[in-house]
Every structure is written in C-alpha cells, then in structure tokens.
Amino acid sequence: MKGKFYFLNFQPSILKIELLLAKRIIPCLDIKNGRTVKGINFENIRDAGDPVELAQFYSSQGADELVFLDITATIEKRKTLVGLVKKVAANINIPFTVGGGISSMENVAELVRIGADKISVNTAAFKDPSLIKTIAREFGSQCVVLAIDTKKEEDGIWYVYLDGGRTKTGYRTMDWAQKAVDMGAGEILLTSMNNDGTKKCFALDITSLLSESLPVPVIASGGAGTMQHFKEVFDSNADAALAASIFHYKEIEIPRLKNYLKENNINVRI
C-alpha cells in the first residue's frame, strides 16, 4: 500500500484489499453557469454538456468516482451551486467529490447533507489551513480532498496557484501538499496547469514525487489524451487519474479504457 492511509474500519478480505488497491478512473465535471465546460491550460473555456446527464452516463459506464468542481465560485466569491450538486448526487451511485467556493464548515455540512461524499478544498484551505483540520475532525480525513492547481515555472519548480489558476503563490507544491496532509487532508487532487487540456500526457514528474512522498492517495489531473497516458501515470504511482474532455466528447470510453489497463497489468475495477 506504499504506506498510505486508506481509512479502513473493517477487517479486509483479499477481494476488498484488491479493490482498495485498484487504480481509479475519475471523470471531472468542471461547472460554469450551471453547465459542464472544458478549457486548455485553464483558458479558452467551451461547453461540454449537461452535468446531470453526464454524471448519469459516467455512473452507468463504470466510473469509480465523480468530481464536481464549480470553477468560478471562488473568483465570484459565492458558494457552490447547491441545487445542481443535489441533482447530480440523486442520479449517481458512485462516490461523489464536490469543490469550488467552499470556505466554511457551514458550506461543507450542507454539501455532505445533500449527497457529497468528499469535499475538495483549494484556495480557502491555502489561506486558512485550519479549515482542513476542522473538516477532518468533523467528518474524517477521508472526506477532505486537497485540490492543488500547480504550474512548472522556468526555474523547473512546481508552484501552487490559487483562484482557479489566476494567482501564483511562492509556495512549492510538495511543501504545501505535505503541510495539508499533516493538517488532515486524506487525498490530493493534483492538477497540472501546464498539461491541462493539452491531451499530451499527465505531469509524471510532480505526480510521481507526491505519490512516492505522501502517505495519502494522489489523483493525477491534467493532460490525458490517450489510454497509454493513463498507463504511464499509474506506472508513476498515481492512485487515481482524472480526466474531462476525452470522456465528455467520448474520445475514450471508460469500459474500453479499463479493459486496456487490465490487459497492461494495471489493477482496475472491472
């Protein structure tokens, strides 16, 4: 298990251990104005469909989890679209992570109440890391997903960005991830701004660094374009891989992707 925490509260059978160690495929719904959208390098946003319909489709296709990110909530200084989250949650039967504009325990409690299994925090957690500790204490570390938007600069260092990729910090990604885990984050959602939407590959170097260094699962995000890219990132020890446009536009279908990974000796849930 690479020494990672998976928050088991039962005596696992061999089958349960295999499922626990299985690599996860996670579609992402980036939401703007109530619609699913996708861009390239966090820019050039275009429509990708109705979020409820897409969520139903992914649930039926065998996605392991679903992530819902209200990408403009923070910059618009508003809460996540609660009504839409409730509709999505009512139409799926897989673990559901919700993020965007979450800055208080009131927000968290409301989202959990209407169907979110995990809460993704980003900018608010960076500005007030105690939010991570508070959520973990109330709902458990398995509920806290720290989303990190990161960009590799000319000096070769990966830095943390806030406000949907608009604001650069002086914080190195590895340092912030480690601090957040120490505060109680149970999972890291790592999005490479350099790779996002390019379909050229995941950011294998920073993904591998975090996966090998942290005691919690790491979700790789940004850059998926082919089935081989998923194999590469799992070979780099990512615990899960997240993608959007290739799933939204049906360039890659989840059952076919899982069969490919299985044939290439990657343990996935079929």
Protein backbone atom coordinates (compact mmCIF):
# COMPACT_ATOMS: atom_id res chain seq x y z
CA MET A 1 0.00 0.00 0.00
CA LYS A 2 3.05 2.25 -0.17
CA GLY A 3 2.43 3.14 3.48
CA LYS A 4 -0.64 5.16 2.54
CA PHE A 5 -3.68 5.74 4.71
CA TYR A 6 -6.88 4.27 3.34
CA PHE A 7 -9.02 4.69 6.48
CA LEU A 8 -10.26 1.10 6.81
CA ASN A 9 -12.67 0.39 9.64
CA PHE A 10 -13.13 -3.31 8.89
CA GLN A 11 -11.07 -6.48 8.53
CA PRO A 12 -10.48 -6.55 4.75
CA SER A 13 -10.83 -9.74 2.76
CA ILE A 14 -8.45 -10.45 -0.13
CA LEU A 15 -11.11 -9.18 -2.56
CA LYS A 16 -11.59 -5.99 -0.58
CA ILE A 17 -7.82 -5.40 -0.47
CA GLU A 18 -7.63 -5.85 -4.25
CA LEU A 19 -10.45 -3.34 -4.72
CA LEU A 20 -8.76 -0.97 -2.31
CA LEU A 21 -5.50 -1.08 -4.24
CA ALA A 22 -7.22 -0.82 -7.63
CA LYS A 23 -6.42 2.29 -9.63
CA ARG A 24 -9.38 4.63 -10.01
CA ILE A 25 -10.75 6.31 -13.14
CA ILE A 26 -12.48 9.59 -12.29
CA PRO A 27 -14.38 11.84 -14.73
CA CYS A 28 -14.49 15.51 -13.75
CA LEU A 29 -17.35 17.94 -14.24
CA ASP A 30 -15.94 21.48 -14.38
CA ILE A 31 -19.01 23.67 -13.89
CA LYS A 32 -19.60 27.24 -15.07
CA ASN A 33 -23.04 28.87 -15.13
CA GLY A 34 -24.65 25.50 -14.48
CA ARG A 35 -23.05 23.79 -17.47
CA THR A 36 -20.12 21.41 -17.84
CA VAL A 37 -17.22 23.17 -19.55
CA LYS A 38 -13.62 22.45 -20.53
CA GLY A 39 -10.65 24.56 -21.48
CA ILE A 40 -6.93 24.36 -22.26
CA ASN A 41 -4.38 25.50 -19.66
CA PHE A 42 -7.33 26.88 -17.64
CA GLU A 43 -8.36 29.16 -20.57
CA ASN A 44 -10.47 29.03 -23.77
CA ILE A 45 -13.48 27.54 -21.97
CA ARG A 46 -16.13 25.79 -24.10
CA ASP A 47 -19.37 23.98 -23.36
CA ALA A 48 -19.27 20.22 -22.81
CA GLY A 49 -22.83 19.32 -21.89
CA ASP A 50 -25.42 18.95 -19.17
CA PRO A 51 -23.80 17.92 -15.87
CA VAL A 52 -26.66 15.72 -14.67
CA GLU A 53 -26.80 13.77 -17.93
CA LEU A 54 -23.03 13.35 -17.98
CA ALA A 55 -23.00 12.23 -14.35
CA GLN A 56 -25.64 9.58 -15.05
CA PHE A 57 -23.69 8.37 -18.07
CA TYR A 58 -20.40 8.06 -16.19
CA SER A 59 -22.04 6.25 -13.30
CA SER A 60 -23.52 3.71 -15.70
CA GLN A 61 -20.22 3.36 -17.59
CA GLY A 62 -18.29 2.16 -14.56
CA ALA A 63 -16.51 5.31 -13.40
CA ASP A 64 -15.05 4.71 -9.96
CA GLU A 65 -15.86 8.18 -8.67
CA LEU A 66 -17.08 11.55 -9.91
CA VAL A 67 -15.66 15.00 -9.21
CA PHE A 68 -17.77 18.18 -9.46
CA LEU A 69 -15.83 21.47 -9.47
CA ASP A 70 -17.61 24.81 -9.58
CA ILE A 71 -14.65 26.52 -11.24
CA THR A 72 -15.80 30.15 -10.91
CA ALA A 73 -17.30 30.05 -7.41
CA THR A 74 -14.14 31.25 -5.65
CA ILE A 75 -13.34 34.09 -8.03
CA GLU A 76 -17.01 35.16 -7.99
CA LYS A 77 -16.98 34.97 -4.18
CA ARG A 78 -20.04 32.74 -3.93
CA LYS A 79 -20.96 29.30 -2.66
CA THR A 80 -21.02 26.14 -4.78
CA LEU A 81 -24.20 25.60 -6.82
CA VAL A 82 -26.01 23.60 -4.17
CA GLY A 83 -29.12 22.86 -6.24
CA LEU A 84 -27.08 21.37 -9.06
CA VAL A 85 -24.95 19.31 -6.66
CA LYS A 86 -28.16 17.84 -5.19
CA LYS A 87 -29.46 16.88 -8.65
CA VAL A 88 -26.20 15.18 -9.61
CA ALA A 89 -25.95 13.31 -6.30
CA ALA A 90 -29.50 11.99 -6.72
CA ASN A 91 -28.65 10.48 -10.11
CA ILE A 92 -25.44 8.56 -9.40
CA ASN A 93 -24.39 5.62 -7.22
CA ILE A 94 -20.64 6.19 -7.05
CA PRO A 95 -18.50 8.26 -4.62
CA PHE A 96 -19.01 11.96 -5.28
CA THR A 97 -16.49 14.75 -4.59
CA VAL A 98 -17.61 18.38 -4.67
CA GLY A 99 -15.43 21.50 -4.76
CA GLY A 100 -15.49 25.19 -5.61
CA GLY A 101 -16.18 28.13 -3.34
CA ILE A 102 -16.06 26.07 -0.14
CA SER A 103 -14.75 28.25 2.66
CA SER A 104 -16.65 27.32 5.82
CA MET A 105 -17.93 24.37 7.80
CA GLU A 106 -21.45 25.57 7.00
CA ASN A 107 -20.72 25.01 3.29
CA VAL A 108 -19.23 21.59 4.00
CA ALA A 109 -22.10 20.40 6.18
CA GLU A 110 -24.68 21.45 3.60
CA LEU A 111 -22.90 19.66 0.75
CA VAL A 112 -22.45 16.47 2.77
CA ARG A 113 -26.11 16.60 3.74
CA ILE A 114 -27.28 16.73 0.11
CA GLY A 115 -25.05 13.92 -1.15
CA ALA A 116 -21.34 14.81 -1.35
CA ASP A 117 -19.08 12.01 -0.07
CA LYS A 118 -15.91 14.10 -0.16
CA ILE A 119 -15.19 17.81 -0.11
CA SER A 120 -12.50 19.36 -2.28
CA VAL A 121 -10.88 22.50 -0.90
CA ASN A 122 -8.29 24.67 -2.59
CA THR A 123 -7.90 28.45 -2.22
CA ALA A 124 -9.76 28.75 1.09
CA ALA A 125 -7.66 25.97 2.61
CA PHE A 126 -4.43 27.63 1.48
CA LYS A 127 -5.47 30.92 3.05
CA ASP A 128 -6.68 29.22 6.22
CA PRO A 129 -5.17 25.72 6.65
CA SER A 130 -7.15 25.23 9.85
CA LEU A 131 -10.17 24.59 7.60
CA ILE A 132 -8.58 21.27 6.64
CA LYS A 133 -8.16 20.27 10.29
CA THR A 134 -11.71 21.30 11.12
CA ILE A 135 -13.29 19.31 8.28
CA ALA A 136 -11.16 16.27 9.10
CA ARG A 137 -12.11 16.43 12.76
CA GLU A 138 -15.83 16.70 11.98
CA PHE A 139 -16.19 14.34 9.02
CA GLY A 140 -12.93 12.35 8.91
CA SER A 141 -9.79 12.78 6.82
CA GLN A 142 -11.27 10.58 4.08
CA CYS A 143 -13.73 13.41 3.43
CA VAL A 144 -11.02 16.04 2.78
CA VAL A 145 -9.59 16.25 -0.73
CA LEU A 146 -6.97 18.96 -1.12
CA ALA A 147 -7.07 20.29 -4.69
CA ILE A 148 -3.77 21.78 -5.85
CA ASP A 149 -3.52 23.71 -9.10
CA THR A 150 0.18 23.71 -9.92
CA LYS A 151 2.40 25.11 -12.62
CA LYS A 152 6.02 24.37 -13.51
CA GLU A 153 7.89 27.63 -13.96
CA GLU A 154 11.08 28.38 -15.89
CA ASP A 155 13.17 27.60 -12.82
CA GLY A 156 11.93 24.00 -13.01
CA ILE A 157 9.94 24.26 -9.79
CA TRP A 158 6.24 23.42 -9.46
CA TYR A 159 4.40 26.25 -7.67
CA VAL A 160 0.94 26.42 -6.14
CA TYR A 161 -1.66 28.63 -7.85
CA LEU A 162 -4.93 29.89 -6.36
CA ASP A 163 -8.23 31.38 -7.58
CA GLY A 164 -8.73 28.91 -10.42
CA GLY A 165 -5.13 29.28 -11.62
CA ARG A 166 -5.18 33.07 -11.63
CA THR A 167 -2.92 33.77 -8.65
CA LYS A 168 0.61 32.47 -8.23
CA THR A 169 1.97 31.84 -4.75
CA GLY A 170 5.57 31.42 -3.72
CA TYR A 171 4.77 28.01 -2.25
CA ARG A 172 6.30 24.87 -3.71
CA THR A 173 3.71 22.21 -4.45
CA MET A 174 5.44 19.49 -2.47
CA ASP A 175 5.71 21.71 0.61
CA TRP A 176 2.04 22.71 0.55
CA ALA A 177 0.87 19.14 -0.06
CA GLN A 178 2.90 17.86 2.89
CA LYS A 179 1.60 20.60 5.17
CA ALA A 180 -2.00 19.88 4.16
CA VAL A 181 -1.61 16.15 4.83
CA ASP A 182 -0.16 16.98 8.24
CA MET A 183 -3.29 19.08 8.87
CA GLY A 184 -5.58 16.18 7.99
CA ALA A 185 -6.10 16.08 4.21
CA GLY A 186 -6.88 12.50 3.22
CA GLU A 187 -6.26 12.80 -0.52
CA ILE A 188 -4.55 15.12 -3.01
CA LEU A 189 -6.13 16.16 -6.32
CA LEU A 190 -3.14 17.40 -8.31
CA THR A 191 -3.88 19.38 -11.48
CA SER A 192 -1.03 20.43 -13.75
CA MET A 193 -1.81 23.76 -15.37
CA ASN A 194 0.95 23.13 -17.93
CA ASN A 195 -0.74 19.94 -19.09
CA ASP A 196 -4.41 20.77 -18.57
CA GLY A 197 -6.49 20.25 -21.71
CA THR A 198 -3.46 19.61 -23.92
CA LYS A 199 -4.06 15.84 -24.24
CA LYS A 200 -0.28 15.40 -24.45
CA CYS A 201 0.25 13.50 -21.17
CA PHE A 202 -0.08 13.82 -17.41
CA ALA A 203 2.65 15.63 -15.49
CA LEU A 204 4.51 12.48 -14.50
CA ASP A 205 7.36 14.09 -12.56
CA ILE A 206 5.36 16.03 -9.96
CA THR A 207 2.75 13.27 -9.77
CA SER A 208 5.40 10.67 -9.04
CA LEU A 209 7.09 12.92 -6.47
CA LEU A 210 3.89 13.44 -4.49
CA SER A 211 2.75 9.82 -4.86
CA GLU A 212 6.02 8.47 -3.51
CA SER A 213 6.44 11.08 -0.76
CA LEU A 214 2.96 11.36 0.76
CA PRO A 215 1.11 8.82 2.92
CA VAL A 216 -2.25 9.53 1.22
CA PRO A 217 -3.64 8.78 -2.27
CA VAL A 218 -2.80 11.16 -5.13
CA ILE A 219 -5.19 11.83 -8.02
CA ALA A 220 -3.41 12.92 -11.21
CA SER A 221 -5.24 15.51 -13.30
CA GLY A 222 -4.45 17.44 -16.48
CA GLY A 223 -3.22 16.22 -19.82
CA ALA A 224 -4.94 12.89 -20.52
CA GLY A 225 -5.30 12.26 -24.24
CA THR A 226 -4.76 8.56 -24.86
CA MET A 227 -5.22 5.31 -22.97
CA GLN A 228 -1.45 4.98 -22.80
CA HIS A 229 -1.30 8.21 -20.81
CA PHE A 230 -3.34 6.54 -18.07
CA LYS A 231 -0.98 3.57 -18.02
CA GLU A 232 2.00 5.90 -17.76
CA VAL A 233 0.61 7.86 -14.85
CA PHE A 234 -0.37 4.69 -12.98
CA ASP A 235 3.13 3.34 -13.60
CA SER A 236 4.29 6.59 -11.98
CA ASN A 237 2.40 5.50 -8.86
CA ALA A 238 -0.66 7.75 -9.07
CA ASP A 239 -3.54 6.19 -7.16
CA ALA A 240 -6.20 7.62 -9.47
CA ALA A 241 -6.42 9.51 -12.75
CA LEU A 242 -8.92 12.25 -13.50
CA ALA A 243 -9.95 13.46 -16.95
CA ALA A 244 -12.66 15.57 -18.51
CA SER A 245 -12.81 16.36 -22.23
CA ILE A 246 -11.78 12.94 -23.51
CA PHE A 247 -14.70 11.47 -21.57
CA HIS A 248 -17.17 14.30 -22.25
CA TYR A 249 -16.66 14.10 -26.02
CA LYS A 250 -16.46 10.28 -25.95
CA GLU A 251 -12.94 10.17 -27.36
CA ILE A 252 -12.23 7.43 -24.82
CA GLU A 253 -14.92 5.30 -23.22
CA ILE A 254 -14.38 4.17 -19.64
CA PRO A 255 -15.11 0.42 -20.18
CA ARG A 256 -12.65 0.30 -23.07
CA LEU A 257 -10.04 2.19 -21.04
CA LYS A 258 -10.37 -0.20 -18.12
CA ASN A 259 -10.03 -3.21 -20.38
CA TYR A 260 -6.88 -1.70 -21.89
CA LEU A 261 -5.40 -1.06 -18.45
CA LYS A 262 -6.27 -4.55 -17.27
CA GLU A 263 -4.57 -6.02 -20.34
CA ASN A 264 -1.50 -3.96 -19.45
CA ASN A 265 -1.32 -5.28 -15.91
CA ILE A 266 -2.86 -2.26 -14.20
CA ASN A 267 -5.23 -3.28 -11.43
CA VAL A 268 -8.58 -1.60 -12.07
CA ARG A 269 -12.16 -2.36 -11.07
CA ILE A 270 -14.00 -4.01 -13.97
